[in-house]
N, C-alpha and C. Protein backbone atom coordinates (compact mmCIF):
# COMPACT_ATOMS: atom_id res chain seq x y z
N MET A 1 25.82 28.45 -38.94
CA MET A 1 24.94 29.11 -37.90
C MET A 1 24.62 29.94 -38.87
N THR A 2 24.37 31.37 -37.87
CA THR A 2 23.81 33.15 -38.10
C THR A 2 24.51 34.07 -37.74
N THR A 3 24.98 34.66 -38.78
CA THR A 3 26.00 35.89 -38.08
C THR A 3 24.70 37.21 -38.05
N ALA A 4 25.49 38.40 -37.62
CA ALA A 4 25.14 40.28 -38.68
C ALA A 4 25.24 39.42 -39.70
N HIS A 5 25.67 38.73 -40.50
CA HIS A 5 25.89 39.00 -41.67
C HIS A 5 24.52 39.21 -43.23
N ASP A 6 23.69 38.08 -41.90
CA ASP A 6 23.15 38.07 -42.53
C ASP A 6 22.05 38.21 -42.57
N PHE A 7 21.54 39.34 -42.53
CA PHE A 7 20.69 40.01 -42.34
C PHE A 7 20.39 41.32 -43.75
N ASN A 8 19.25 41.50 -43.65
CA ASN A 8 18.93 43.05 -45.13
C ASN A 8 18.52 43.76 -43.65
N ALA A 9 18.53 45.17 -43.63
CA ALA A 9 18.22 45.82 -43.15
C ALA A 9 17.97 47.74 -44.16
N ARG A 10 16.14 48.39 -44.62
CA ARG A 10 16.66 48.96 -45.48
C ARG A 10 17.28 51.01 -43.94
N ASN A 11 18.71 51.32 -45.37
CA ASN A 11 18.64 52.22 -44.47
C ASN A 11 18.32 53.49 -44.78
N ILE A 12 18.70 54.57 -43.83
CA ILE A 12 17.72 55.58 -43.51
C ILE A 12 16.86 55.92 -45.09
N ASP A 13 18.25 56.34 -46.33
CA ASP A 13 17.69 56.40 -47.32
C ASP A 13 16.66 55.89 -48.15
N GLY A 14 15.64 54.46 -47.63
CA GLY A 14 15.74 53.94 -47.85
C GLY A 14 15.65 52.36 -49.48
N GLU A 15 16.99 52.61 -48.85
CA GLU A 15 17.21 50.98 -49.61
C GLU A 15 18.02 50.05 -48.58
N ASP A 16 17.46 48.99 -50.14
CA ASP A 16 18.45 47.65 -48.72
C ASP A 16 19.33 47.36 -48.64
N THR A 17 20.44 47.45 -47.79
CA THR A 17 21.23 47.05 -47.25
C THR A 17 21.38 45.92 -46.27
N ALA A 18 22.71 44.93 -47.37
CA ALA A 18 23.38 43.76 -46.90
C ALA A 18 24.59 43.79 -45.35
N LEU A 19 23.98 43.18 -44.68
CA LEU A 19 24.84 43.32 -43.31
C LEU A 19 26.48 42.60 -43.30
N ALA A 20 26.00 41.99 -44.62
CA ALA A 20 27.04 41.28 -45.14
C ALA A 20 28.18 43.06 -46.11
N ASP A 21 27.44 43.33 -46.61
CA ASP A 21 28.30 44.77 -46.95
C ASP A 21 29.69 45.27 -45.73
N PHE A 22 29.14 44.69 -44.62
CA PHE A 22 29.97 44.50 -42.95
C PHE A 22 30.97 43.74 -42.42
N LYS A 23 31.10 42.36 -43.90
CA LYS A 23 32.22 41.59 -43.39
C LYS A 23 33.51 42.01 -43.53
N GLY A 24 34.22 41.47 -42.00
CA GLY A 24 35.54 41.68 -41.95
C GLY A 24 35.81 43.55 -40.60
N GLN A 25 34.36 44.13 -40.42
CA GLN A 25 33.95 44.70 -39.59
C GLN A 25 34.15 44.49 -38.26
N VAL A 26 33.80 45.17 -36.78
CA VAL A 26 33.78 45.29 -36.28
C VAL A 26 31.97 46.62 -36.13
N LEU A 27 30.78 45.64 -35.32
CA LEU A 27 29.89 46.67 -35.92
C LEU A 27 29.62 46.87 -34.22
N LEU A 28 29.33 48.27 -33.81
CA LEU A 28 28.06 48.53 -32.50
C LEU A 28 27.32 48.49 -33.59
N ILE A 29 26.39 48.65 -32.99
CA ILE A 29 24.57 48.28 -33.77
C ILE A 29 23.96 48.63 -32.11
N VAL A 30 23.01 50.03 -32.75
CA VAL A 30 22.62 50.19 -31.26
C VAL A 30 20.77 51.09 -31.77
N ASN A 31 20.48 51.14 -30.96
CA ASN A 31 18.69 51.54 -31.48
C ASN A 31 19.06 52.69 -30.73
N THR A 32 18.16 54.12 -31.64
CA THR A 32 18.23 55.17 -31.56
C THR A 32 17.20 55.91 -31.45
N ALA A 33 17.81 57.36 -30.64
CA ALA A 33 16.00 57.73 -30.29
C ALA A 33 16.49 59.06 -30.28
N SER A 34 15.72 60.14 -30.94
CA SER A 34 16.14 62.21 -30.76
C SER A 34 15.61 62.45 -29.85
N LYS A 35 15.31 62.82 -29.49
CA LYS A 35 14.92 62.84 -28.02
C LYS A 35 14.66 62.33 -27.72
N CYS A 36 15.56 62.14 -26.82
CA CYS A 36 15.91 60.49 -25.47
C CYS A 36 16.60 61.67 -24.36
N GLY A 37 17.08 61.17 -23.30
CA GLY A 37 17.65 61.47 -22.04
C GLY A 37 19.05 61.14 -23.00
N PHE A 38 18.64 60.10 -23.50
CA PHE A 38 20.56 58.83 -23.72
C PHE A 38 21.43 60.03 -24.93
N THR A 39 19.94 61.05 -25.98
CA THR A 39 20.40 61.61 -26.78
C THR A 39 21.73 61.64 -27.62
N PRO A 40 22.39 62.57 -26.34
CA PRO A 40 24.14 62.90 -26.58
C PRO A 40 24.56 62.23 -26.80
N GLN A 41 24.09 61.11 -26.69
CA GLN A 41 25.65 59.13 -27.10
C GLN A 41 25.64 59.02 -28.22
N TYR A 42 25.12 59.92 -29.17
CA TYR A 42 25.84 59.88 -30.55
C TYR A 42 26.62 60.44 -30.53
N GLU A 43 26.74 61.19 -30.31
CA GLU A 43 28.15 62.80 -30.33
C GLU A 43 29.10 61.94 -30.35
N GLY A 44 29.31 60.71 -28.60
CA GLY A 44 29.83 59.77 -28.44
C GLY A 44 30.25 58.89 -29.28
N LEU A 45 29.37 58.45 -30.00
CA LEU A 45 28.80 57.29 -30.97
C LEU A 45 29.17 57.38 -32.09
N GLU A 46 29.88 58.32 -32.54
CA GLU A 46 29.58 59.86 -33.84
C GLU A 46 31.79 59.16 -33.95
N GLN A 47 32.19 60.09 -32.25
CA GLN A 47 33.22 60.28 -32.07
C GLN A 47 34.26 58.83 -32.37
N LEU A 48 33.45 57.34 -31.37
CA LEU A 48 32.69 55.89 -32.14
C LEU A 48 34.07 55.57 -33.74
N HIS A 49 32.86 56.69 -34.81
CA HIS A 49 33.47 56.06 -36.03
C HIS A 49 34.12 56.52 -36.70
N ARG A 50 33.71 57.73 -36.19
CA ARG A 50 35.38 58.67 -36.66
C ARG A 50 37.39 58.59 -36.35
N GLU A 51 36.76 58.21 -35.29
CA GLU A 51 38.58 57.04 -34.59
C GLU A 51 38.92 55.70 -34.92
N LEU A 52 37.74 55.36 -35.08
CA LEU A 52 37.76 53.39 -35.07
C LEU A 52 38.04 53.22 -36.03
N GLY A 53 37.21 53.92 -36.19
CA GLY A 53 36.43 53.82 -38.18
C GLY A 53 37.78 52.94 -39.19
N PRO A 54 38.62 53.66 -39.09
CA PRO A 54 39.94 53.27 -40.25
C PRO A 54 40.26 52.25 -39.92
N LYS A 55 39.89 51.59 -38.22
CA LYS A 55 40.53 50.68 -37.92
C LYS A 55 40.10 48.89 -38.28
N GLY A 56 38.66 49.86 -38.55
CA GLY A 56 37.16 48.62 -38.06
C GLY A 56 36.07 49.04 -37.89
N LEU A 57 35.74 49.20 -37.30
CA LEU A 57 34.36 49.76 -36.95
C LEU A 57 33.43 50.53 -37.33
N SER A 58 32.19 49.69 -37.63
CA SER A 58 31.36 50.26 -38.41
C SER A 58 30.44 51.20 -36.97
N VAL A 59 29.66 51.45 -36.97
CA VAL A 59 28.11 52.23 -35.72
C VAL A 59 27.35 51.77 -36.92
N LEU A 60 26.23 51.51 -36.40
CA LEU A 60 25.07 50.93 -36.35
C LEU A 60 24.30 52.03 -35.62
N GLY A 61 23.58 53.05 -36.45
CA GLY A 61 22.06 53.62 -35.88
C GLY A 61 21.14 53.09 -36.41
N PHE A 62 20.42 52.33 -35.36
CA PHE A 62 18.07 51.42 -35.57
C PHE A 62 17.64 52.92 -35.61
N PRO A 63 16.99 53.99 -36.06
CA PRO A 63 16.48 54.68 -35.08
C PRO A 63 14.97 53.61 -34.30
N CYS A 64 14.33 53.68 -33.07
CA CYS A 64 13.50 53.59 -32.84
C CYS A 64 12.69 53.55 -31.80
N ASP A 65 10.93 54.11 -32.40
CA ASP A 65 9.91 55.07 -31.32
C ASP A 65 9.33 54.33 -30.41
N GLN A 66 9.23 53.42 -29.59
CA GLN A 66 9.45 52.20 -29.26
C GLN A 66 8.95 52.80 -27.10
N PHE A 67 10.69 53.37 -26.98
CA PHE A 67 10.43 54.29 -26.18
C PHE A 67 9.53 54.53 -25.64
N GLY A 68 8.72 55.42 -25.56
CA GLY A 68 8.08 56.68 -24.17
C GLY A 68 7.83 57.53 -25.86
N HIS A 69 8.09 57.27 -26.87
CA HIS A 69 7.72 58.27 -28.41
C HIS A 69 8.54 59.19 -28.74
N GLN A 70 9.61 58.51 -28.17
CA GLN A 70 10.43 59.59 -28.06
C GLN A 70 11.65 59.40 -30.14
N GLU A 71 11.36 59.62 -30.88
CA GLU A 71 12.24 59.01 -32.10
C GLU A 71 10.62 58.93 -33.09
N PRO A 72 9.38 60.22 -32.94
CA PRO A 72 8.25 60.56 -33.71
C PRO A 72 8.37 60.49 -34.51
N GLY A 73 9.89 61.12 -36.02
CA GLY A 73 10.15 61.92 -36.65
C GLY A 73 10.09 60.63 -37.74
N ASP A 74 9.89 61.40 -39.30
CA ASP A 74 9.71 59.86 -40.12
C ASP A 74 11.50 60.31 -40.55
N GLU A 75 11.53 59.46 -41.71
CA GLU A 75 13.62 59.43 -41.56
C GLU A 75 14.22 60.17 -42.25
N GLU A 76 13.92 61.40 -43.39
CA GLU A 76 13.94 62.68 -42.85
C GLU A 76 14.13 63.52 -41.98
N GLU A 77 13.40 63.65 -41.07
CA GLU A 77 12.97 64.19 -39.83
C GLU A 77 15.21 63.61 -38.83
N ILE A 78 14.69 62.40 -39.48
CA ILE A 78 15.57 61.75 -38.63
C ILE A 78 17.03 61.66 -39.21
N ARG A 79 17.49 62.04 -39.75
CA ARG A 79 18.59 62.16 -40.83
C ARG A 79 19.05 63.73 -41.34
N ASN A 80 17.71 64.85 -41.04
CA ASN A 80 18.17 65.96 -40.76
C ASN A 80 18.33 66.02 -39.55
N PHE A 81 17.88 65.52 -38.45
CA PHE A 81 18.62 65.89 -37.31
C PHE A 81 19.56 65.18 -36.47
N CYS A 82 20.38 64.12 -36.96
CA CYS A 82 21.35 63.28 -37.02
C CYS A 82 22.23 64.68 -37.52
N SER A 83 22.46 64.64 -38.91
CA SER A 83 23.17 65.66 -39.55
C SER A 83 23.44 67.23 -38.58
N LEU A 84 22.70 67.25 -38.88
CA LEU A 84 22.99 68.90 -38.19
C LEU A 84 22.97 68.64 -36.99
N THR A 85 22.31 68.25 -35.77
CA THR A 85 22.02 68.53 -34.05
C THR A 85 24.13 67.27 -33.90
N TYR A 86 24.32 66.35 -34.50
CA TYR A 86 25.02 65.72 -33.41
C TYR A 86 26.12 65.73 -35.25
N ASP A 87 26.26 65.86 -36.53
CA ASP A 87 27.06 65.97 -37.70
C ASP A 87 27.02 64.24 -38.00
N VAL A 88 26.51 63.35 -37.53
CA VAL A 88 26.36 62.26 -38.13
C VAL A 88 27.04 61.75 -38.65
N SER A 89 27.90 60.66 -38.98
CA SER A 89 28.19 59.88 -40.38
C SER A 89 28.02 59.15 -39.98
N PHE A 90 28.54 58.34 -39.59
CA PHE A 90 28.17 56.42 -39.36
C PHE A 90 26.83 55.92 -39.74
N PRO A 91 26.27 55.03 -40.53
CA PRO A 91 25.30 54.46 -41.06
C PRO A 91 24.05 54.57 -40.38
N MET A 92 22.80 55.21 -41.01
CA MET A 92 22.02 55.41 -40.03
C MET A 92 21.00 54.25 -41.03
N PHE A 93 19.84 54.18 -40.85
CA PHE A 93 19.35 53.01 -40.37
C PHE A 93 18.15 53.89 -40.79
N ALA A 94 16.69 52.63 -41.34
CA ALA A 94 15.14 53.52 -41.36
C ALA A 94 14.53 52.81 -39.97
N LYS A 95 13.80 53.75 -39.01
CA LYS A 95 12.64 53.10 -38.39
C LYS A 95 12.92 51.57 -38.14
N VAL A 96 12.49 51.03 -37.28
CA VAL A 96 12.45 50.02 -36.80
C VAL A 96 12.07 49.67 -34.61
N GLU A 97 11.76 48.49 -35.45
CA GLU A 97 11.15 47.59 -33.65
C GLU A 97 12.21 46.96 -33.01
N VAL A 98 12.16 46.81 -31.71
CA VAL A 98 13.01 46.15 -31.31
C VAL A 98 12.84 45.36 -30.46
N ASN A 99 11.39 45.10 -30.45
CA ASN A 99 10.84 45.00 -29.38
C ASN A 99 9.67 44.09 -30.20
N GLY A 100 8.59 43.21 -28.93
CA GLY A 100 7.26 42.32 -30.29
C GLY A 100 7.32 42.00 -30.95
N ASP A 101 6.04 40.91 -31.67
CA ASP A 101 5.82 40.46 -32.99
C ASP A 101 6.15 41.49 -34.59
N GLY A 102 6.73 42.49 -33.76
CA GLY A 102 7.20 43.72 -35.47
C GLY A 102 8.64 43.79 -35.72
N ALA A 103 9.39 43.28 -33.99
CA ALA A 103 10.10 43.07 -34.13
C ALA A 103 11.06 42.53 -35.41
N HIS A 104 12.45 43.85 -35.93
CA HIS A 104 13.09 43.33 -37.35
C HIS A 104 13.73 42.40 -36.59
N PRO A 105 14.22 41.82 -37.58
CA PRO A 105 14.72 39.96 -37.24
C PRO A 105 16.50 40.49 -36.76
N LEU A 106 16.32 41.47 -37.35
CA LEU A 106 18.81 41.32 -36.79
C LEU A 106 18.54 41.77 -35.07
N TRP A 107 16.94 42.97 -34.35
CA TRP A 107 17.21 42.35 -33.87
C TRP A 107 16.16 41.92 -32.67
N GLN A 108 15.73 40.66 -33.00
CA GLN A 108 15.26 40.00 -33.16
C GLN A 108 16.15 38.75 -32.45
N TRP A 109 17.14 38.26 -33.36
CA TRP A 109 18.37 37.21 -33.38
C TRP A 109 19.64 37.91 -32.46
N LEU A 110 19.73 39.25 -32.18
CA LEU A 110 20.02 40.42 -31.63
C LEU A 110 19.88 39.93 -30.04
N LYS A 111 18.69 39.74 -30.16
CA LYS A 111 18.76 39.91 -27.96
C LYS A 111 18.24 38.09 -28.32
N LYS A 112 18.15 37.04 -29.10
CA LYS A 112 18.44 35.94 -28.68
C LYS A 112 20.67 35.57 -28.37
N GLU A 113 20.58 35.95 -29.32
CA GLU A 113 21.98 35.52 -29.02
C GLU A 113 22.36 36.41 -27.74
N LYS A 114 22.62 37.55 -28.03
CA LYS A 114 22.86 38.45 -25.61
C LYS A 114 21.77 38.73 -25.82
N PRO A 115 20.56 37.43 -24.92
CA PRO A 115 19.57 38.89 -23.94
C PRO A 115 20.29 39.29 -22.56
N GLY A 116 19.22 40.04 -22.42
CA GLY A 116 20.31 41.41 -20.93
C GLY A 116 20.37 40.59 -19.09
N LEU A 117 19.97 41.33 -17.94
CA LEU A 117 20.21 41.25 -16.96
C LEU A 117 18.88 40.29 -17.39
N LEU A 118 19.10 38.44 -15.91
CA LEU A 118 18.26 37.13 -15.96
C LEU A 118 17.95 36.30 -16.82
N GLY A 119 18.45 36.61 -18.24
CA GLY A 119 18.37 36.52 -19.61
C GLY A 119 17.05 36.71 -20.26
N MET A 120 16.39 38.45 -19.59
CA MET A 120 15.41 39.16 -20.53
C MET A 120 16.22 39.65 -22.05
N GLN A 121 14.97 38.34 -22.84
CA GLN A 121 15.52 39.16 -23.93
C GLN A 121 15.62 40.65 -24.56
N GLY A 122 13.64 41.13 -24.11
CA GLY A 122 13.76 42.64 -24.52
C GLY A 122 14.15 43.66 -24.51
N ILE A 123 14.46 44.52 -25.37
CA ILE A 123 15.24 45.32 -25.25
C ILE A 123 14.64 46.36 -24.51
N LYS A 124 15.50 47.16 -23.13
CA LYS A 124 14.72 47.85 -22.15
C LYS A 124 14.41 49.23 -22.38
N TRP A 125 15.68 49.74 -23.78
CA TRP A 125 14.84 50.91 -24.28
C TRP A 125 17.02 51.67 -24.86
N ASN A 126 15.78 53.18 -25.53
CA ASN A 126 17.04 53.76 -26.22
C ASN A 126 18.17 53.67 -25.76
N PHE A 127 18.89 53.10 -26.94
CA PHE A 127 20.69 53.26 -26.91
C PHE A 127 21.08 52.13 -26.42
N THR A 128 20.44 51.01 -26.26
CA THR A 128 21.35 50.16 -26.11
C THR A 128 22.06 49.34 -27.82
N LYS A 129 22.98 48.68 -26.80
CA LYS A 129 24.33 48.24 -27.57
C LYS A 129 24.68 46.87 -28.38
N PHE A 130 24.50 46.69 -28.55
CA PHE A 130 25.60 45.69 -29.34
C PHE A 130 26.22 45.79 -29.66
N LEU A 131 27.91 45.99 -29.29
CA LEU A 131 29.17 45.34 -30.01
C LEU A 131 29.57 43.28 -30.50
N VAL A 132 29.22 43.37 -32.04
CA VAL A 132 29.67 42.36 -32.83
C VAL A 132 30.73 41.81 -33.66
N ASP A 133 31.92 41.67 -33.68
CA ASP A 133 33.63 40.66 -33.86
C ASP A 133 33.34 41.23 -35.59
N ARG A 134 34.08 40.92 -35.38
CA ARG A 134 34.76 40.56 -37.18
C ARG A 134 33.64 40.30 -39.02
N GLU A 135 33.53 38.82 -37.37
CA GLU A 135 33.26 37.32 -37.63
C GLU A 135 31.35 38.14 -37.83
N GLY A 136 31.02 38.27 -37.71
CA GLY A 136 29.45 38.78 -37.48
C GLY A 136 28.45 38.09 -36.16
N ARG A 137 29.35 37.47 -35.24
CA ARG A 137 29.21 37.31 -34.15
C ARG A 137 28.65 37.95 -32.79
N VAL A 138 28.00 38.39 -32.38
CA VAL A 138 28.07 38.82 -31.06
C VAL A 138 28.59 38.72 -29.72
N VAL A 139 28.60 39.92 -29.18
CA VAL A 139 30.16 39.27 -28.14
C VAL A 139 29.86 39.93 -26.80
N SER A 140 28.85 41.17 -27.02
CA SER A 140 29.26 41.83 -25.68
C SER A 140 27.52 42.62 -26.39
N ARG A 141 26.66 43.23 -24.84
CA ARG A 141 25.15 43.99 -24.93
C ARG A 141 25.57 45.07 -23.38
N TYR A 142 25.59 46.37 -24.92
CA TYR A 142 25.18 46.89 -22.86
C TYR A 142 24.71 48.09 -23.15
N ALA A 143 24.35 48.34 -21.77
CA ALA A 143 22.89 49.16 -20.86
C ALA A 143 23.25 50.91 -22.26
N PRO A 144 21.66 51.60 -21.74
CA PRO A 144 21.07 52.58 -22.58
C PRO A 144 22.40 53.77 -22.28
N THR A 145 22.46 53.29 -20.88
CA THR A 145 23.81 54.07 -19.95
C THR A 145 24.96 53.53 -19.84
N ASP A 146 25.35 53.21 -20.62
CA ASP A 146 27.21 52.60 -19.95
C ASP A 146 27.44 54.21 -21.51
N LYS A 147 27.84 54.96 -21.87
CA LYS A 147 28.20 55.27 -22.69
C LYS A 147 29.03 55.33 -23.64
N PRO A 148 29.02 55.56 -25.00
CA PRO A 148 29.97 54.97 -25.80
C PRO A 148 31.53 54.91 -25.34
N ALA A 149 31.92 56.05 -24.34
CA ALA A 149 33.30 55.87 -24.20
C ALA A 149 34.07 54.89 -23.80
N ALA A 150 32.76 54.52 -22.77
CA ALA A 150 33.06 53.69 -21.69
C ALA A 150 33.29 51.79 -22.32
N ILE A 151 33.27 52.02 -23.07
CA ILE A 151 32.49 50.59 -24.61
C ILE A 151 34.15 50.87 -24.93
N ARG A 152 34.97 51.96 -25.67
CA ARG A 152 35.88 51.58 -26.60
C ARG A 152 36.67 50.59 -26.46
N LYS A 153 37.28 49.94 -24.99
CA LYS A 153 38.31 49.44 -24.57
C LYS A 153 37.72 47.71 -25.63
N ASP A 154 37.02 47.81 -25.10
CA ASP A 154 35.97 46.35 -25.29
C ASP A 154 36.05 46.61 -27.30
N ILE A 155 35.53 47.34 -27.41
CA ILE A 155 35.71 47.36 -29.23
C ILE A 155 37.35 47.14 -30.11
N GLU A 156 38.56 48.38 -29.33
CA GLU A 156 39.80 48.29 -29.56
C GLU A 156 40.51 46.63 -29.76
N LYS A 157 39.68 45.85 -28.65
CA LYS A 157 40.40 44.66 -28.10
C LYS A 157 40.04 43.69 -29.16
N LEU A 158 38.83 43.60 -30.58
CA LEU A 158 38.32 43.64 -31.61
C LEU A 158 39.14 44.18 -32.86
N LEU A 159 39.22 45.33 -32.88
CA LEU A 159 40.13 45.56 -34.44
C LEU A 159 40.77 45.04 -34.80
């Protein structure tokens, strides 16, 4: 059985990272963008990371420029924006595609495991969130409009 721990992704500093490094942790995997109406969710994601991280939560941010060209910068610009604007300290990854033929294998798998409304596998917009349990299984999928604070109870159940 495939789990989130079977995938690798390049982090925002360009280093290959095995998601197996997060084994035993609850993961909240999010496609992010710096110039989106939902960008202020970085604040809520960071709050979850700081408050629930010690209990075993890891928020993983995956910048994506597939929706309205709202993540135009390179990794350095993204890192600086996240750090300076929202004091982001959770792991950020290099820009990925989440839809189409070039979709990152992790995102292909996430969409297959938890399709959206009416079984749609595509990601509709920035800040779609996937909650993954300590064993690496996808538990829930959340819409971009679902604020981080609103899904806290679901996360706490898995911690």
